[in-house]
Amino acid sequence: MNLTPAQLRLLRDIDRWNIAHWRTPPTLQELADLHGLAKVSVFEMAADLIRKGVLMRVAGQARSLAITAAGRRAMRPRATRLLIAGAVDCRD
């Protein structure tokens, strides 16, 4: 799943909002205010996240943004692989 840093930040902020506000999802305007963006920018970002399958809208609800299982996986920290070059001295 390739999410941009801004998309990942928006997804994490939706999750944090849900926790802080008793599972009540944020509106697009509340997300826009939180990020200092225009509402249309947040709408487009949310639409991209829905297309990628990490966010969904729940039918019949005004505050309908919900994070999918794929979205939960995308928010998990990732391990970083490092190539370490050098020598180890094993003399006693």
PDB file of N, CA and C in Angstrom:
ATOM      1  N   MET A   1       0.852  -1.169   0.000  1.00  0.00           N
ATOM      2  CA  MET A   1       0.000   0.000   0.000  1.00  0.00           C
ATOM      3  C   MET A   1       0.898   1.231   0.000  1.00  0.00           C
ATOM      4  N   ASN A   2       0.801   2.016  -1.033  1.00  0.00           N
ATOM      5  CA  ASN A   2       1.612   3.222  -1.121  1.00  0.00           C
ATOM      6  C   ASN A   2       0.771   4.443  -0.773  1.00  0.00           C
ATOM      7  N   LEU A   3       0.974   4.953   0.424  1.00  0.00           N
ATOM      8  CA  LEU A   3       0.304   6.175   0.850  1.00  0.00           C
ATOM      9  C   LEU A   3       1.338   7.283   0.942  1.00  0.00           C
ATOM     10  N   THR A   4       0.937   8.476   0.553  1.00  0.00           N
ATOM     11  CA  THR A   4       1.836   9.612   0.700  1.00  0.00           C
ATOM     12  C   THR A   4       1.901   9.976   2.175  1.00  0.00           C
ATOM     13  N   PRO A   5       2.929  10.698   2.592  1.00  0.00           N
ATOM     14  CA  PRO A   5       2.991  11.124   3.999  1.00  0.00           C
ATOM     15  C   PRO A   5       1.755  11.918   4.428  1.00  0.00           C
ATOM     16  N   ALA A   6       1.224  12.759   3.548  1.00  0.00           N
ATOM     17  CA  ALA A   6       0.032  13.545   3.883  1.00  0.00           C
ATOM     18  C   ALA A   6      -1.187  12.642   4.047  1.00  0.00           C
ATOM     19  N   GLN A   7      -1.320  11.621   3.188  1.00  0.00           N
ATOM     20  CA  GLN A   7      -2.439  10.684   3.302  1.00  0.00           C
ATOM     21  C   GLN A   7      -2.343   9.878   4.589  1.00  0.00           C
ATOM     22  N   LEU A   8      -1.162   9.433   4.918  1.00  0.00           N
ATOM     23  CA  LEU A   8      -0.957   8.660   6.147  1.00  0.00           C
ATOM     24  C   LEU A   8      -1.255   9.524   7.376  1.00  0.00           C
ATOM     25  N   ARG A   9      -0.832  10.785   7.334  1.00  0.00           N
ATOM     26  CA  ARG A   9      -1.097  11.712   8.432  1.00  0.00           C
ATOM     27  C   ARG A   9      -2.610  11.927   8.590  1.00  0.00           C
ATOM     28  N   LEU A  10      -3.319  12.080   7.469  1.00  0.00           N
ATOM     29  CA  LEU A  10      -4.773  12.264   7.529  1.00  0.00           C
ATOM     30  C   LEU A  10      -5.447  11.021   8.108  1.00  0.00           C
ATOM     31  N   LEU A  11      -5.010   9.853   7.684  1.00  0.00           N
ATOM     32  CA  LEU A  11      -5.577   8.604   8.185  1.00  0.00           C
ATOM     33  C   LEU A  11      -5.350   8.470   9.693  1.00  0.00           C
ATOM     34  N   ARG A  12      -4.150   8.779  10.149  1.00  0.00           N
ATOM     35  CA  ARG A  12      -3.845   8.712  11.580  1.00  0.00           C
ATOM     36  C   ARG A  12      -4.637   9.750  12.377  1.00  0.00           C
ATOM     37  N   ASP A  13      -4.836  10.923  11.791  1.00  0.00           N
ATOM     38  CA  ASP A  13      -5.616  11.956  12.484  1.00  0.00           C
ATOM     39  C   ASP A  13      -7.085  11.551  12.601  1.00  0.00           C
ATOM     40  N   ILE A  14      -7.615  10.880  11.603  1.00  0.00           N
ATOM     41  CA  ILE A  14      -8.992  10.375  11.686  1.00  0.00           C
ATOM     42  C   ILE A  14      -9.080   9.353  12.812  1.00  0.00           C
ATOM     43  N   ASP A  15      -8.097   8.485  12.915  1.00  0.00           N
ATOM     44  CA  ASP A  15      -8.081   7.474  13.975  1.00  0.00           C
ATOM     45  C   ASP A  15      -7.991   8.131  15.349  1.00  0.00           C
ATOM     46  N   ARG A  16      -7.101   9.104  15.498  1.00  0.00           N
ATOM     47  CA  ARG A  16      -6.965   9.817  16.775  1.00  0.00           C
ATOM     48  C   ARG A  16      -8.256  10.548  17.144  1.00  0.00           C
ATOM     49  N   TRP A  17      -8.891  11.155  16.153  1.00  0.00           N
ATOM     50  CA  TRP A  17     -10.138  11.878  16.384  1.00  0.00           C
ATOM     51  C   TRP A  17     -11.206  10.904  16.890  1.00  0.00           C
ATOM     52  N   ASN A  18     -11.296   9.737  16.250  1.00  0.00           N
ATOM     53  CA  ASN A  18     -12.286   8.739  16.668  1.00  0.00           C
ATOM     54  C   ASN A  18     -12.087   8.336  18.126  1.00  0.00           C
ATOM     55  N   ILE A  19     -10.851   8.181  18.532  1.00  0.00           N
ATOM     56  CA  ILE A  19     -10.554   7.792  19.914  1.00  0.00           C
ATOM     57  C   ILE A  19     -10.899   8.933  20.871  1.00  0.00           C
ATOM     58  N   ALA A  20     -10.513  10.142  20.514  1.00  0.00           N
ATOM     59  CA  ALA A  20     -10.731  11.296  21.396  1.00  0.00           C
ATOM     60  C   ALA A  20     -12.196  11.711  21.492  1.00  0.00           C
ATOM     61  N   HIS A  21     -12.984  11.408  20.459  1.00  0.00           N
ATOM     62  CA  HIS A  21     -14.377  11.859  20.426  1.00  0.00           C
ATOM     63  C   HIS A  21     -15.362  10.691  20.462  1.00  0.00           C
ATOM     64  N   TRP A  22     -15.031   9.662  21.190  1.00  0.00           N
ATOM     65  CA  TRP A  22     -15.938   8.542  21.432  1.00  0.00           C
ATOM     66  C   TRP A  22     -16.450   7.911  20.141  1.00  0.00           C
ATOM     67  N   ARG A  23     -15.550   7.634  19.227  1.00  0.00           N
ATOM     68  CA  ARG A  23     -15.875   6.948  17.968  1.00  0.00           C
ATOM     69  C   ARG A  23     -16.780   7.753  17.045  1.00  0.00           C
ATOM     70  N   THR A  24     -16.800   9.059  17.231  1.00  0.00           N
ATOM     71  CA  THR A  24     -17.531   9.930  16.317  1.00  0.00           C
ATOM     72  C   THR A  24     -16.542  10.444  15.285  1.00  0.00           C
ATOM     73  N   PRO A  25     -16.668  10.035  14.023  1.00  0.00           N
ATOM     74  CA  PRO A  25     -15.705  10.468  13.006  1.00  0.00           C
ATOM     75  C   PRO A  25     -15.737  11.983  12.794  1.00  0.00           C
ATOM     76  N   PRO A  26     -14.623  12.545  12.362  1.00  0.00           N
ATOM     77  CA  PRO A  26     -14.583  13.987  12.094  1.00  0.00           C
ATOM     78  C   PRO A  26     -15.287  14.320  10.785  1.00  0.00           C
ATOM     79  N   THR A  27     -15.763  15.544  10.671  1.00  0.00           N
ATOM     80  CA  THR A  27     -16.293  16.018   9.392  1.00  0.00           C
ATOM     81  C   THR A  27     -15.104  16.451   8.529  1.00  0.00           C
ATOM     82  N   LEU A  28     -15.358  16.639   7.248  1.00  0.00           N
ATOM     83  CA  LEU A  28     -14.286  17.114   6.368  1.00  0.00           C
ATOM     84  C   LEU A  28     -13.818  18.500   6.794  1.00  0.00           C
ATOM     85  N   GLN A  29     -14.744  19.328   7.262  1.00  0.00           N
ATOM     86  CA  GLN A  29     -14.368  20.670   7.713  1.00  0.00           C
ATOM     87  C   GLN A  29     -13.482  20.602   8.953  1.00  0.00           C
ATOM     88  N   GLU A  30     -13.785  19.705   9.873  1.00  0.00           N
ATOM     89  CA  GLU A  30     -12.960  19.560  11.072  1.00  0.00           C
ATOM     90  C   GLU A  30     -11.555  19.081  10.705  1.00  0.00           C
ATOM     91  N   LEU A  31     -11.462  18.178   9.741  1.00  0.00           N
ATOM     92  CA  LEU A  31     -10.146  17.726   9.276  1.00  0.00           C
ATOM     93  C   LEU A  31      -9.393  18.855   8.580  1.00  0.00           C
ATOM     94  N   ALA A  32     -10.106  19.626   7.784  1.00  0.00           N
ATOM     95  CA  ALA A  32      -9.480  20.758   7.092  1.00  0.00           C
ATOM     96  C   ALA A  32      -8.931  21.764   8.098  1.00  0.00           C
ATOM     97  N   ASP A  33      -9.716  22.057   9.136  1.00  0.00           N
ATOM     98  CA  ASP A  33      -9.265  22.988  10.175  1.00  0.00           C
ATOM     99  C   ASP A  33      -8.048  22.430  10.912  1.00  0.00           C
ATOM    100  N   LEU A  34      -8.060  21.134  11.172  1.00  0.00           N
ATOM    101  CA  LEU A  34      -6.958  20.487  11.881  1.00  0.00           C
ATOM    102  C   LEU A  34      -5.651  20.570  11.095  1.00  0.00           C
ATOM    103  N   HIS A  35      -5.751  20.448   9.769  1.00  0.00           N
ATOM    104  CA  HIS A  35      -4.563  20.447   8.910  1.00  0.00           C
ATOM    105  C   HIS A  35      -4.250  21.808   8.304  1.00  0.00           C
ATOM    106  N   GLY A  36      -5.129  22.770   8.503  1.00  0.00           N
ATOM    107  CA  GLY A  36      -4.904  24.086   7.909  1.00  0.00           C
ATOM    108  C   GLY A  36      -5.048  24.063   6.394  1.00  0.00           C
ATOM    109  N   LEU A  37      -5.961  23.223   5.901  1.00  0.00           N
ATOM    110  CA  LEU A  37      -6.181  23.076   4.458  1.00  0.00           C
ATOM    111  C   LEU A  37      -7.590  23.524   4.100  1.00  0.00           C
ATOM    112  N   ALA A  38      -7.831  23.660   2.797  1.00  0.00           N
ATOM    113  CA  ALA A  38      -9.182  23.919   2.325  1.00  0.00           C
ATOM    114  C   ALA A  38      -9.983  22.620   2.397  1.00  0.00           C
ATOM    115  N   LYS A  39     -11.278  22.753   2.618  1.00  0.00           N
ATOM    116  CA  LYS A  39     -12.141  21.580   2.729  1.00  0.00           C
ATOM    117  C   LYS A  39     -12.070  20.726   1.460  1.00  0.00           C
ATOM    118  N   VAL A  40     -11.971  21.362   0.299  1.00  0.00           N
ATOM    119  CA  VAL A  40     -11.912  20.613  -0.964  1.00  0.00           C
ATOM    120  C   VAL A  40     -10.635  19.764  -1.042  1.00  0.00           C
ATOM    121  N   SER A  41      -9.539  20.252  -0.469  1.00  0.00           N
ATOM    122  CA  SER A  41      -8.287  19.482  -0.463  1.00  0.00           C
ATOM    123  C   SER A  41      -8.435  18.219   0.377  1.00  0.00           C
ATOM    124  N   VAL A  42      -9.082  18.349   1.529  1.00  0.00           N
ATOM    125  CA  VAL A  42      -9.314  17.188   2.394  1.00  0.00           C
ATOM    126  C   VAL A  42     -10.288  16.230   1.713  1.00  0.00           C
ATOM    127  N   PHE A  43     -11.301  16.764   1.023  1.00  0.00           N
ATOM    128  CA  PHE A  43     -12.258  15.937   0.298  1.00  0.00           C
ATOM    129  C   PHE A  43     -11.541  15.095  -0.757  1.00  0.00           C
ATOM    130  N   GLU A  44     -10.626  15.726  -1.511  1.00  0.00           N
ATOM    131  CA  GLU A  44      -9.883  15.003  -2.547  1.00  0.00           C
ATOM    132  C   GLU A  44      -8.958  13.950  -1.936  1.00  0.00           C
ATOM    133  N   MET A  45      -8.306  14.291  -0.822  1.00  0.00           N
ATOM    134  CA  MET A  45      -7.434  13.324  -0.157  1.00  0.00           C
ATOM    135  C   MET A  45      -8.234  12.136   0.362  1.00  0.00           C
ATOM    136  N   ALA A  46      -9.401  12.422   0.955  1.00  0.00           N
ATOM    137  CA  ALA A  46     -10.267  11.349   1.454  1.00  0.00           C
ATOM    138  C   ALA A  46     -10.744  10.474   0.294  1.00  0.00           C
ATOM    139  N   ALA A  47     -11.076  11.087  -0.839  1.00  0.00           N
ATOM    140  CA  ALA A  47     -11.504  10.319  -2.016  1.00  0.00           C
ATOM    141  C   ALA A  47     -10.378   9.397  -2.494  1.00  0.00           C
ATOM    142  N   ASP A  48      -9.141   9.889  -2.474  1.00  0.00           N
ATOM    143  CA  ASP A  48      -7.993   9.044  -2.848  1.00  0.00           C
ATOM    144  C   ASP A  48      -7.837   7.878  -1.880  1.00  0.00           C
ATOM    145  N   LEU A  49      -8.018   8.136  -0.588  1.00  0.00           N
ATOM    146  CA  LEU A  49      -7.905   7.070   0.415  1.00  0.00           C
ATOM    147  C   LEU A  49      -9.029   6.042   0.258  1.00  0.00           C
ATOM    148  N   ILE A  50     -10.206   6.493  -0.134  1.00  0.00           N
ATOM    149  CA  ILE A  50     -11.320   5.567  -0.389  1.00  0.00           C
ATOM    150  C   ILE A  50     -10.991   4.707  -1.606  1.00  0.00           C
ATOM    151  N   ARG A  51     -10.455   5.315  -2.674  1.00  0.00           N
ATOM    152  CA  ARG A  51     -10.060   4.554  -3.875  1.00  0.00           C
ATOM    153  C   ARG A  51      -8.983   3.519  -3.560  1.00  0.00           C
ATOM    154  N   LYS A  52      -8.087   3.862  -2.633  1.00  0.00           N
ATOM    155  CA  LYS A  52      -7.018   2.933  -2.250  1.00  0.00           C
ATOM    156  C   LYS A  52      -7.507   1.857  -1.287  1.00  0.00           C
ATOM    157  N   GLY A  53      -8.732   1.989  -0.783  1.00  0.00           N
ATOM    158  CA  GLY A  53      -9.315   0.969   0.073  1.00  0.00           C
ATOM    159  C   GLY A  53      -8.939   1.045   1.537  1.00  0.00           C
ATOM    160  N   VAL A  54      -8.400   2.171   1.982  1.00  0.00           N
ATOM    161  CA  VAL A  54      -8.008   2.303   3.391  1.00  0.00           C
ATOM    162  C   VAL A  54      -9.016   3.112   4.203  1.00  0.00           C
ATOM    163  N   LEU A  55      -9.956   3.738   3.514  1.00  0.00           N
ATOM    164  CA  LEU A  55     -10.990   4.542   4.153  1.00  0.00           C
ATOM    165  C   LEU A  55     -12.291   4.234   3.434  1.00  0.00           C
ATOM    166  N   MET A  56     -13.404   4.303   4.164  1.00  0.00           N
ATOM    167  CA  MET A  56     -14.701   4.072   3.528  1.00  0.00           C
ATOM    168  C   MET A  56     -15.738   5.001   4.140  1.00  0.00           C
ATOM    169  N   ARG A  57     -16.813   5.167   3.407  1.00  0.00           N
ATOM    170  CA  ARG A  57     -17.954   5.933   3.901  1.00  0.00           C
ATOM    171  C   ARG A  57     -19.030   4.937   4.318  1.00  0.00           C
ATOM    172  N   VAL A  58     -19.637   5.195   5.459  1.00  0.00           N
ATOM    173  CA  VAL A  58     -20.718   4.349   5.951  1.00  0.00           C
ATOM    174  C   VAL A  58     -22.021   4.971   5.474  1.00  0.00           C
ATOM    175  N   ALA A  59     -22.820   4.215   4.735  1.00  0.00           N
ATOM    176  CA  ALA A  59     -24.060   4.732   4.155  1.00  0.00           C
ATOM    177  C   ALA A  59     -25.035   5.164   5.241  1.00  0.00           C
ATOM    178  N   GLY A  60     -25.685   6.272   4.997  1.00  0.00           N
ATOM    179  CA  GLY A  60     -26.727   6.739   5.900  1.00  0.00           C
ATOM    180  C   GLY A  60     -26.236   7.509   7.112  1.00  0.00           C
ATOM    181  N   GLN A  61     -24.944   7.823   7.162  1.00  0.00           N
ATOM    182  CA  GLN A  61     -24.418   8.572   8.301  1.00  0.00           C
ATOM    183  C   GLN A  61     -23.794   9.874   7.813  1.00  0.00           C
ATOM    184  N   ALA A  62     -24.062  10.944   8.534  1.00  0.00           N
ATOM    185  CA  ALA A  62     -23.490  12.238   8.159  1.00  0.00           C
ATOM    186  C   ALA A  62     -21.974  12.240   8.355  1.00  0.00           C
ATOM    187  N   ARG A  63     -21.528  11.741   9.489  1.00  0.00           N
ATOM    188  CA  ARG A  63     -20.089  11.630   9.773  1.00  0.00           C
ATOM    189  C   ARG A  63     -19.699  10.193   9.458  1.00  0.00           C
ATOM    190  N   SER A  64     -19.402   9.941   8.199  1.00  0.00           N
ATOM    191  CA  SER A  64     -19.362   8.556   7.749  1.00  0.00           C
ATOM    192  C   SER A  64     -17.975   8.010   7.424  1.00  0.00           C
ATOM    193  N   LEU A  65     -16.907   8.680   7.793  1.00  0.00           N
ATOM    194  CA  LEU A  65     -15.573   8.179   7.481  1.00  0.00           C
ATOM    195  C   LEU A  65     -15.179   7.074   8.454  1.00  0.00           C
ATOM    196  N   ALA A  66     -14.800   5.937   7.911  1.00  0.00           N
ATOM    197  CA  ALA A  66     -14.367   4.806   8.732  1.00  0.00           C
ATOM    198  C   ALA A  66     -13.104   4.207   8.128  1.00  0.00           C
ATOM    199  N   ILE A  67     -12.192   3.805   8.984  1.00  0.00           N
ATOM    200  CA  ILE A  67     -10.932   3.207   8.543  1.00  0.00           C
ATOM    201  C   ILE A  67     -11.146   1.711   8.341  1.00  0.00           C
ATOM    202  N   THR A  68     -10.697   1.197   7.196  1.00  0.00           N
ATOM    203  CA  THR A  68     -10.849  -0.220   6.885  1.00  0.00           C
ATOM    204  C   THR A  68      -9.703  -1.026   7.513  1.00  0.00           C
ATOM    205  N   ALA A  69      -9.795  -2.349   7.399  1.00  0.00           N
ATOM    206  CA  ALA A  69      -8.723  -3.216   7.902  1.00  0.00           C
ATOM    207  C   ALA A  69      -7.416  -2.920   7.170  1.00  0.00           C
ATOM    208  N   ALA A  70      -7.502  -2.656   5.875  1.00  0.00           N
ATOM    209  CA  ALA A  70      -6.303  -2.301   5.109  1.00  0.00           C
ATOM    210  C   ALA A  70      -5.711  -0.990   5.612  1.00  0.00           C
ATOM    211  N   GLY A  71      -6.573  -0.079   6.026  1.00  0.00           N
ATOM    212  CA  GLY A  71      -6.113   1.195   6.594  1.00  0.00           C
ATOM    213  C   GLY A  71      -5.398   0.985   7.913  1.00  0.00           C
ATOM    214  N   ARG A  72      -5.913   0.079   8.730  1.00  0.00           N
ATOM    215  CA  ARG A  72      -5.249  -0.244  10.012  1.00  0.00           C
ATOM    216  C   ARG A  72      -3.854  -0.817   9.754  1.00  0.00           C
ATOM    217  N   ARG A  73      -3.755  -1.686   8.753  1.00  0.00           N
ATOM    218  CA  ARG A  73      -2.434  -2.260   8.414  1.00  0.00           C
ATOM    219  C   ARG A  73      -1.487  -1.176   7.905  1.00  0.00           C
ATOM    220  N   ALA A  74      -2.000  -0.248   7.121  1.00  0.00           N
ATOM    221  CA  ALA A  74      -1.169   0.823   6.564  1.00  0.00           C
ATOM    222  C   ALA A  74      -0.623   1.749   7.649  1.00  0.00           C
ATOM    223  N   MET A  75      -1.348   1.856   8.775  1.00  0.00           N
ATOM    224  CA  MET A  75      -0.909   2.746   9.857  1.00  0.00           C
ATOM    225  C   MET A  75       0.119   2.103  10.772  1.00  0.00           C
ATOM    226  N   ARG A  76       0.314   0.795  10.668  1.00  0.00           N
ATOM    227  CA  ARG A  76       1.305   0.132  11.529  1.00  0.00           C
ATOM    228  C   ARG A  76       2.706   0.627  11.210  1.00  0.00           C
ATOM    229  N   PRO A  77       3.530   0.768  12.225  1.00  0.00           N
ATOM    230  CA  PRO A  77       4.922   1.162  11.966  1.00  0.00           C
ATOM    231  C   PRO A  77       5.614   0.087  11.124  1.00  0.00           C
ATOM    232  N   ARG A  78       6.471   0.536  10.271  1.00  0.00           N
ATOM    233  CA  ARG A  78       7.202  -0.390   9.408  1.00  0.00           C
ATOM    234  C   ARG A  78       8.638  -0.533   9.879  1.00  0.00           C
ATOM    235  N   ALA A  79       9.157  -1.726   9.741  1.00  0.00           N
ATOM    236  CA  ALA A  79      10.560  -1.957  10.075  1.00  0.00           C
ATOM    237  C   ALA A  79      11.429  -1.371   8.964  1.00  0.00           C
ATOM    238  N   THR A  80      12.564  -0.875   9.343  1.00  0.00           N
ATOM    239  CA  THR A  80      13.507  -0.339   8.378  1.00  0.00           C
ATOM    240  C   THR A  80      14.717  -1.256   8.330  1.00  0.00           C
ATOM    241  N   ARG A  81      15.085  -1.616   7.128  1.00  0.00           N
ATOM    242  CA  ARG A  81      16.261  -2.467   6.961  1.00  0.00           C
ATOM    243  C   ARG A  81      17.472  -1.585   6.697  1.00  0.00           C
ATOM    244  N   LEU A  82      18.539  -1.859   7.419  1.00  0.00           N
ATOM    245  CA  LEU A  82      19.770  -1.098   7.259  1.00  0.00           C
ATOM    246  C   LEU A  82      20.892  -2.041   6.855  1.00  0.00           C
ATOM    247  N   LEU A  83      21.665  -1.626   5.896  1.00  0.00           N
ATOM    248  CA  LEU A  83      22.844  -2.370   5.511  1.00  0.00           C
ATOM    249  C   LEU A  83      24.004  -1.827   6.338  1.00  0.00           C
ATOM    250  N   ILE A  84      24.616  -2.689   7.095  1.00  0.00           N
ATOM    251  CA  ILE A  84      25.716  -2.276   7.950  1.00  0.00           C
ATOM    252  C   ILE A  84      27.002  -2.876   7.385  1.00  0.00           C
ATOM    253  N   ALA A  85      27.925  -2.023   7.051  1.00  0.00           N
ATOM    254  CA  ALA A  85      29.200  -2.472   6.506  1.00  0.00           C
ATOM    255  C   ALA A  85      30.289  -2.219   7.536  1.00  0.00           C
ATOM    256  N   GLY A  86      31.185  -3.164   7.658  1.00  0.00           N
ATOM    257  CA  GLY A  86      32.280  -2.987   8.596  1.00  0.00           C
ATOM    258  C   GLY A  86      32.860  -4.324   8.999  1.00  0.00           C
ATOM    259  N   ALA A  87      33.764  -4.271   9.916  1.00  0.00           N
ATOM    260  CA  ALA A  87      34.417  -5.498  10.387  1.00  0.00           C
ATOM    261  C   ALA A  87      34.221  -5.634  11.896  1.00  0.00           C
ATOM    262  N   VAL A  88      34.194  -6.859  12.355  1.00  0.00           N
ATOM    263  CA  VAL A  88      34.059  -7.140  13.778  1.00  0.00           C
ATOM    264  C   VAL A  88      35.357  -7.802  14.214  1.00  0.00           C
ATOM    265  N   ASP A  89      35.955  -7.258  15.255  1.00  0.00           N
ATOM    266  CA  ASP A  89      37.202  -7.825  15.779  1.00  0.00           C
ATOM    267  C   ASP A  89      36.841  -8.797  16.900  1.00  0.00           C
ATOM    268  N   CYS A  90      37.150 -10.066  16.681  1.00  0.00           N
ATOM    269  CA  CYS A  90      36.778 -11.110  17.651  1.00  0.00           C
ATOM    270  C   CYS A  90      37.985 -11.624  18.457  1.00  0.00           C
ATOM    271  N   ARG A  91      39.058 -10.850  18.493  1.00  0.00           N
ATOM    272  CA  ARG A  91      40.246 -11.291  19.260  1.00  0.00           C
ATOM    273  C   ARG A  91      40.016 -11.123  20.739  1.00  0.00           C
ATOM    274  N   ASP A  92      40.530 -12.056  21.503  1.00  0.00           N
ATOM    275  CA  ASP A  92      40.425 -11.985  22.969  1.00  0.00           C
ATOM    276  C   ASP A  92      41.573 -11.260  23.573  1.00  0.00           C
TER     277      ASP A  92
END
